């Protein structure tokens, strides 16, 4: 006769929670890479570095920092709300590529 170690049994709730974490990690990584890639177009190390230029004495750097800061907020606000809908079953799960295409667009400021 064999015994089952109940401490190793994975419940449906645990599987669902793990799936949510994995989904959020996958989309978050893609979103962060997208934000960083945009900042690198203007030779910043990434979005975190770029937004530190808000209020910089150089008007171009300041404008770019402001624009990237606002865009980052818009992207995360949108993506967070939409992923909540996916997790709640209120919308179908898009592929990462489809989801990235939905994100707010960015325009570099012109001075």
N, C-alpha and C. Protein backbone atom coordinates (compact mmCIF):
# COMPACT_ATOMS: atom_id res chain seq x y z
N UNK A 1 0.84 -1.17 0.00
CA UNK A 1 0.00 0.00 0.00
C UNK A 1 0.89 1.24 0.00
N UNK A 2 0.48 2.25 -0.70
CA UNK A 2 1.26 3.49 -0.75
C UNK A 2 0.47 4.63 -0.11
N UNK A 3 1.18 5.66 0.27
CA UNK A 3 0.52 6.81 0.90
C UNK A 3 0.81 8.05 0.08
N UNK A 4 -0.10 8.99 0.19
CA UNK A 4 0.04 10.25 -0.54
C UNK A 4 0.46 11.32 0.45
N UNK A 5 1.52 12.03 0.11
CA UNK A 5 1.96 13.15 0.93
C UNK A 5 1.12 14.36 0.52
N UNK A 6 0.12 14.69 1.33
CA UNK A 6 -0.81 15.77 0.99
C UNK A 6 -0.13 17.14 0.93
N UNK A 7 1.03 17.27 1.54
CA UNK A 7 1.74 18.56 1.48
C UNK A 7 2.27 18.84 0.07
N UNK A 8 2.32 17.81 -0.76
CA UNK A 8 2.82 17.98 -2.12
C UNK A 8 1.70 18.08 -3.16
N UNK A 9 0.47 18.00 -2.73
CA UNK A 9 -0.67 18.10 -3.62
C UNK A 9 -0.87 19.57 -3.99
N UNK A 10 -1.02 19.80 -5.28
CA UNK A 10 -1.23 21.16 -5.77
C UNK A 10 -2.71 21.31 -6.10
N UNK A 11 -3.32 22.32 -5.50
CA UNK A 11 -4.75 22.54 -5.73
C UNK A 11 -4.97 23.36 -7.00
N UNK A 12 -6.19 23.36 -7.45
CA UNK A 12 -6.55 24.17 -8.62
C UNK A 12 -6.30 25.65 -8.34
N UNK A 13 -6.57 26.08 -7.12
CA UNK A 13 -6.33 27.47 -6.75
C UNK A 13 -4.86 27.82 -6.82
N UNK A 14 -4.02 26.90 -6.36
CA UNK A 14 -2.57 27.13 -6.42
C UNK A 14 -2.09 27.19 -7.87
N UNK A 15 -2.62 26.31 -8.71
CA UNK A 15 -2.25 26.33 -10.13
C UNK A 15 -2.68 27.64 -10.77
N UNK A 16 -3.88 28.11 -10.43
CA UNK A 16 -4.38 29.37 -10.99
C UNK A 16 -3.52 30.54 -10.53
N UNK A 17 -3.13 30.53 -9.26
CA UNK A 17 -2.28 31.60 -8.73
C UNK A 17 -0.92 31.60 -9.43
N UNK A 18 -0.36 30.42 -9.62
CA UNK A 18 0.92 30.31 -10.32
C UNK A 18 0.80 30.79 -11.77
N UNK A 19 -0.31 30.48 -12.40
CA UNK A 19 -0.53 30.92 -13.79
C UNK A 19 -0.64 32.45 -13.84
N UNK A 20 -1.30 33.05 -12.86
CA UNK A 20 -1.42 34.52 -12.81
C UNK A 20 -0.04 35.16 -12.66
N UNK A 21 0.75 34.61 -11.77
CA UNK A 21 2.09 35.15 -11.55
C UNK A 21 2.93 35.03 -12.82
N UNK A 22 2.86 33.89 -13.47
CA UNK A 22 3.62 33.68 -14.70
C UNK A 22 3.15 34.62 -15.80
N UNK A 23 1.84 34.80 -15.93
CA UNK A 23 1.29 35.70 -16.93
C UNK A 23 1.77 37.13 -16.70
N UNK A 24 1.65 37.58 -15.46
CA UNK A 24 2.07 38.94 -15.14
C UNK A 24 3.56 39.13 -15.38
N UNK A 25 4.37 38.15 -15.04
CA UNK A 25 5.82 38.26 -15.24
C UNK A 25 6.16 38.32 -16.73
N UNK A 26 5.49 37.51 -17.52
CA UNK A 26 5.75 37.49 -18.97
C UNK A 26 5.41 38.84 -19.61
N UNK A 27 4.25 39.36 -19.32
CA UNK A 27 3.84 40.63 -19.90
C UNK A 27 4.67 41.78 -19.33
N UNK A 28 4.94 41.77 -18.04
CA UNK A 28 5.72 42.84 -17.42
C UNK A 28 7.12 42.93 -18.02
N UNK A 29 7.74 41.79 -18.24
CA UNK A 29 9.08 41.79 -18.84
C UNK A 29 9.05 42.37 -20.24
N UNK A 30 8.04 42.01 -21.01
CA UNK A 30 7.93 42.54 -22.38
C UNK A 30 7.67 44.04 -22.37
N UNK A 31 6.82 44.49 -21.47
CA UNK A 31 6.50 45.91 -21.37
C UNK A 31 7.74 46.69 -20.96
N UNK A 32 8.45 46.21 -19.96
CA UNK A 32 9.66 46.91 -19.51
C UNK A 32 10.70 46.97 -20.61
N UNK A 33 10.87 45.90 -21.36
CA UNK A 33 11.81 45.90 -22.48
C UNK A 33 11.40 46.91 -23.54
N UNK A 34 10.11 47.02 -23.78
CA UNK A 34 9.58 47.99 -24.75
C UNK A 34 9.89 49.42 -24.30
N UNK A 35 9.66 49.71 -23.03
CA UNK A 35 9.95 51.05 -22.50
C UNK A 35 11.45 51.36 -22.60
N UNK A 36 12.27 50.41 -22.22
CA UNK A 36 13.71 50.62 -22.27
C UNK A 36 14.22 50.80 -23.70
N UNK A 37 13.66 50.03 -24.62
CA UNK A 37 14.08 50.14 -26.03
C UNK A 37 13.77 51.52 -26.58
N UNK A 38 12.62 52.07 -26.21
CA UNK A 38 12.26 53.41 -26.69
C UNK A 38 13.27 54.43 -26.18
N UNK A 39 13.63 54.37 -24.91
CA UNK A 39 14.60 55.31 -24.35
C UNK A 39 15.97 55.15 -25.00
N UNK A 40 16.33 53.93 -25.33
CA UNK A 40 17.64 53.68 -25.96
C UNK A 40 17.72 54.27 -27.37
N UNK A 41 16.57 54.55 -27.98
CA UNK A 41 16.58 55.20 -29.30
C UNK A 41 17.33 56.53 -29.25
N UNK A 42 17.34 57.17 -28.08
CA UNK A 42 18.03 58.46 -27.92
C UNK A 42 19.25 58.33 -27.02
N UNK A 43 19.79 57.13 -26.97
CA UNK A 43 21.05 56.85 -26.28
C UNK A 43 20.97 56.89 -24.75
N UNK A 44 19.78 56.83 -24.18
CA UNK A 44 19.67 56.67 -22.72
C UNK A 44 19.92 55.20 -22.40
N UNK A 45 20.38 54.93 -21.19
CA UNK A 45 20.61 53.54 -20.77
C UNK A 45 19.31 52.75 -20.74
N UNK A 46 18.22 53.41 -20.42
CA UNK A 46 16.90 52.79 -20.32
C UNK A 46 15.94 53.85 -19.85
N UNK A 47 14.69 53.46 -19.65
CA UNK A 47 13.66 54.42 -19.27
C UNK A 47 13.94 55.02 -17.89
N UNK A 48 14.48 54.22 -16.97
CA UNK A 48 14.76 54.74 -15.63
C UNK A 48 15.76 55.89 -15.70
N UNK A 49 16.80 55.74 -16.47
CA UNK A 49 17.78 56.81 -16.62
C UNK A 49 17.17 58.00 -17.33
N UNK A 50 16.43 57.76 -18.38
CA UNK A 50 15.86 58.84 -19.18
C UNK A 50 14.96 59.76 -18.37
N UNK A 51 14.15 59.18 -17.50
CA UNK A 51 13.21 60.02 -16.77
C UNK A 51 13.89 60.87 -15.70
N UNK A 52 15.13 60.56 -15.38
CA UNK A 52 15.85 61.41 -14.42
C UNK A 52 16.22 62.75 -15.05
N UNK A 53 16.07 62.88 -16.35
CA UNK A 53 16.38 64.14 -17.03
C UNK A 53 15.23 65.14 -16.99
N UNK A 54 14.14 64.78 -16.36
CA UNK A 54 13.04 65.75 -16.18
C UNK A 54 13.59 66.94 -15.42
N UNK A 55 13.33 68.14 -15.93
CA UNK A 55 13.81 69.35 -15.29
C UNK A 55 15.28 69.64 -15.53
N UNK A 56 15.91 68.92 -16.44
CA UNK A 56 17.32 69.14 -16.75
C UNK A 56 17.51 70.51 -17.40
N UNK A 57 18.66 71.17 -17.16
CA UNK A 57 18.91 72.46 -17.80
C UNK A 57 18.93 72.39 -19.34
N UNK A 58 19.26 71.23 -19.88
CA UNK A 58 19.24 71.05 -21.34
C UNK A 58 17.78 70.86 -21.74
N UNK A 59 17.21 71.80 -22.52
CA UNK A 59 15.79 71.72 -22.85
C UNK A 59 15.39 70.42 -23.57
N UNK A 60 16.24 69.91 -24.43
CA UNK A 60 15.92 68.67 -25.15
C UNK A 60 15.85 67.49 -24.19
N UNK A 61 16.86 67.37 -23.32
CA UNK A 61 16.85 66.28 -22.35
C UNK A 61 15.64 66.38 -21.43
N UNK A 62 15.34 67.58 -20.98
CA UNK A 62 14.21 67.80 -20.09
C UNK A 62 12.89 67.40 -20.75
N UNK A 63 12.71 67.82 -22.00
CA UNK A 63 11.48 67.50 -22.73
C UNK A 63 11.36 65.98 -22.95
N UNK A 64 12.48 65.34 -23.29
CA UNK A 64 12.45 63.89 -23.49
C UNK A 64 12.16 63.16 -22.18
N UNK A 65 12.77 63.61 -21.09
CA UNK A 65 12.51 63.00 -19.78
C UNK A 65 11.05 63.14 -19.38
N UNK A 66 10.49 64.34 -19.61
CA UNK A 66 9.07 64.57 -19.29
C UNK A 66 8.17 63.67 -20.14
N UNK A 67 8.46 63.61 -21.43
CA UNK A 67 7.62 62.82 -22.34
C UNK A 67 7.69 61.34 -22.01
N UNK A 68 8.89 60.84 -21.74
CA UNK A 68 9.03 59.42 -21.40
C UNK A 68 8.39 59.10 -20.06
N UNK A 69 8.47 60.02 -19.12
CA UNK A 69 7.83 59.83 -17.81
C UNK A 69 6.31 59.69 -17.98
N UNK A 70 5.71 60.59 -18.72
CA UNK A 70 4.26 60.55 -18.94
C UNK A 70 3.86 59.29 -19.71
N UNK A 71 4.65 58.93 -20.70
CA UNK A 71 4.35 57.75 -21.51
C UNK A 71 4.46 56.48 -20.68
N UNK A 72 5.50 56.39 -19.85
CA UNK A 72 5.66 55.21 -18.99
C UNK A 72 4.43 55.04 -18.10
N UNK A 73 3.96 56.13 -17.54
CA UNK A 73 2.76 56.07 -16.70
C UNK A 73 1.55 55.60 -17.50
N UNK A 74 1.37 56.13 -18.70
CA UNK A 74 0.24 55.74 -19.54
C UNK A 74 0.31 54.25 -19.90
N UNK A 75 1.50 53.78 -20.22
CA UNK A 75 1.69 52.37 -20.59
C UNK A 75 1.35 51.45 -19.42
N UNK A 76 1.89 51.75 -18.24
CA UNK A 76 1.63 50.88 -17.10
C UNK A 76 0.19 50.98 -16.62
N UNK A 77 -0.41 52.16 -16.71
CA UNK A 77 -1.81 52.31 -16.33
C UNK A 77 -2.69 51.46 -17.23
N UNK A 78 -2.47 51.54 -18.54
CA UNK A 78 -3.25 50.77 -19.50
C UNK A 78 -3.02 49.27 -19.30
N UNK A 79 -1.75 48.88 -19.26
CA UNK A 79 -1.45 47.45 -19.21
C UNK A 79 -1.95 46.81 -17.92
N UNK A 80 -1.82 47.50 -16.82
CA UNK A 80 -2.31 46.96 -15.55
C UNK A 80 -3.82 46.73 -15.61
N UNK A 81 -4.55 47.73 -16.10
CA UNK A 81 -6.01 47.60 -16.19
C UNK A 81 -6.43 46.47 -17.12
N UNK A 82 -5.76 46.35 -18.24
CA UNK A 82 -6.12 45.31 -19.21
C UNK A 82 -5.76 43.92 -18.72
N UNK A 83 -4.63 43.78 -18.05
CA UNK A 83 -4.26 42.46 -17.54
C UNK A 83 -5.18 42.03 -16.41
N UNK A 84 -5.70 42.97 -15.64
CA UNK A 84 -6.71 42.64 -14.62
C UNK A 84 -7.94 42.04 -15.31
N UNK A 85 -8.32 42.61 -16.44
CA UNK A 85 -9.47 42.09 -17.19
C UNK A 85 -9.19 40.66 -17.68
N UNK A 86 -7.98 40.42 -18.16
CA UNK A 86 -7.63 39.08 -18.62
C UNK A 86 -7.72 38.09 -17.46
N UNK A 87 -7.14 38.46 -16.33
CA UNK A 87 -7.14 37.56 -15.17
C UNK A 87 -8.54 37.32 -14.63
N UNK A 88 -9.42 38.30 -14.80
CA UNK A 88 -10.81 38.15 -14.33
C UNK A 88 -11.69 37.45 -15.35
N UNK A 89 -11.14 37.13 -16.51
CA UNK A 89 -11.91 36.48 -17.56
C UNK A 89 -12.83 37.43 -18.30
N UNK A 90 -12.58 38.74 -18.19
CA UNK A 90 -13.41 39.74 -18.85
C UNK A 90 -12.98 40.00 -20.29
N UNK A 91 -11.80 39.53 -20.65
CA UNK A 91 -11.34 39.63 -22.03
C UNK A 91 -10.43 38.45 -22.30
N UNK A 92 -10.35 38.10 -23.56
CA UNK A 92 -9.48 37.00 -23.96
C UNK A 92 -8.02 37.42 -23.78
N UNK A 93 -7.19 36.43 -23.50
CA UNK A 93 -5.77 36.72 -23.33
C UNK A 93 -5.12 36.92 -24.70
N UNK A 94 -4.59 38.12 -24.95
CA UNK A 94 -3.90 38.34 -26.22
C UNK A 94 -2.48 37.76 -26.14
N UNK A 95 -1.90 37.54 -27.29
CA UNK A 95 -0.48 37.17 -27.29
C UNK A 95 0.31 38.38 -26.81
N UNK A 96 1.53 38.17 -26.41
CA UNK A 96 2.36 39.28 -25.97
C UNK A 96 2.49 40.30 -27.10
N UNK A 97 2.68 39.81 -28.32
CA UNK A 97 2.83 40.71 -29.46
C UNK A 97 1.56 41.53 -29.70
N UNK A 98 0.42 40.88 -29.61
CA UNK A 98 -0.85 41.61 -29.77
C UNK A 98 -1.02 42.65 -28.67
N UNK A 99 -0.66 42.28 -27.46
CA UNK A 99 -0.82 43.20 -26.34
C UNK A 99 0.11 44.40 -26.50
N UNK A 100 1.33 44.15 -26.93
CA UNK A 100 2.28 45.25 -27.11
C UNK A 100 1.77 46.24 -28.15
N UNK A 101 1.08 45.76 -29.15
CA UNK A 101 0.53 46.64 -30.20
C UNK A 101 -0.60 47.52 -29.66
N UNK A 102 -1.20 47.13 -28.56
CA UNK A 102 -2.28 47.91 -27.95
C UNK A 102 -1.78 49.07 -27.10
N UNK A 103 -0.54 49.02 -26.69
CA UNK A 103 -0.03 50.01 -25.75
C UNK A 103 -0.04 51.41 -26.34
N UNK A 104 -0.16 52.42 -25.49
CA UNK A 104 -0.14 53.80 -25.98
C UNK A 104 1.13 54.07 -26.78
N UNK A 105 0.97 54.82 -27.84
CA UNK A 105 2.10 55.17 -28.71
C UNK A 105 2.93 56.29 -28.07
N UNK A 106 4.15 56.41 -28.52
CA UNK A 106 5.04 57.46 -28.02
C UNK A 106 5.52 58.32 -29.17
N UNK A 107 5.56 59.61 -28.94
CA UNK A 107 6.12 60.55 -29.90
C UNK A 107 7.23 61.34 -29.21
N UNK A 108 8.40 61.36 -29.81
CA UNK A 108 9.48 62.17 -29.26
C UNK A 108 9.12 63.64 -29.37
N UNK A 109 9.41 64.41 -28.33
CA UNK A 109 9.11 65.85 -28.40
C UNK A 109 10.00 66.56 -29.41
N UNK A 110 9.43 67.54 -30.05
CA UNK A 110 10.19 68.34 -31.03
C UNK A 110 10.41 69.73 -30.45
N UNK A 111 11.65 70.12 -30.33
CA UNK A 111 11.96 71.48 -29.83
C UNK A 111 12.48 72.34 -30.95
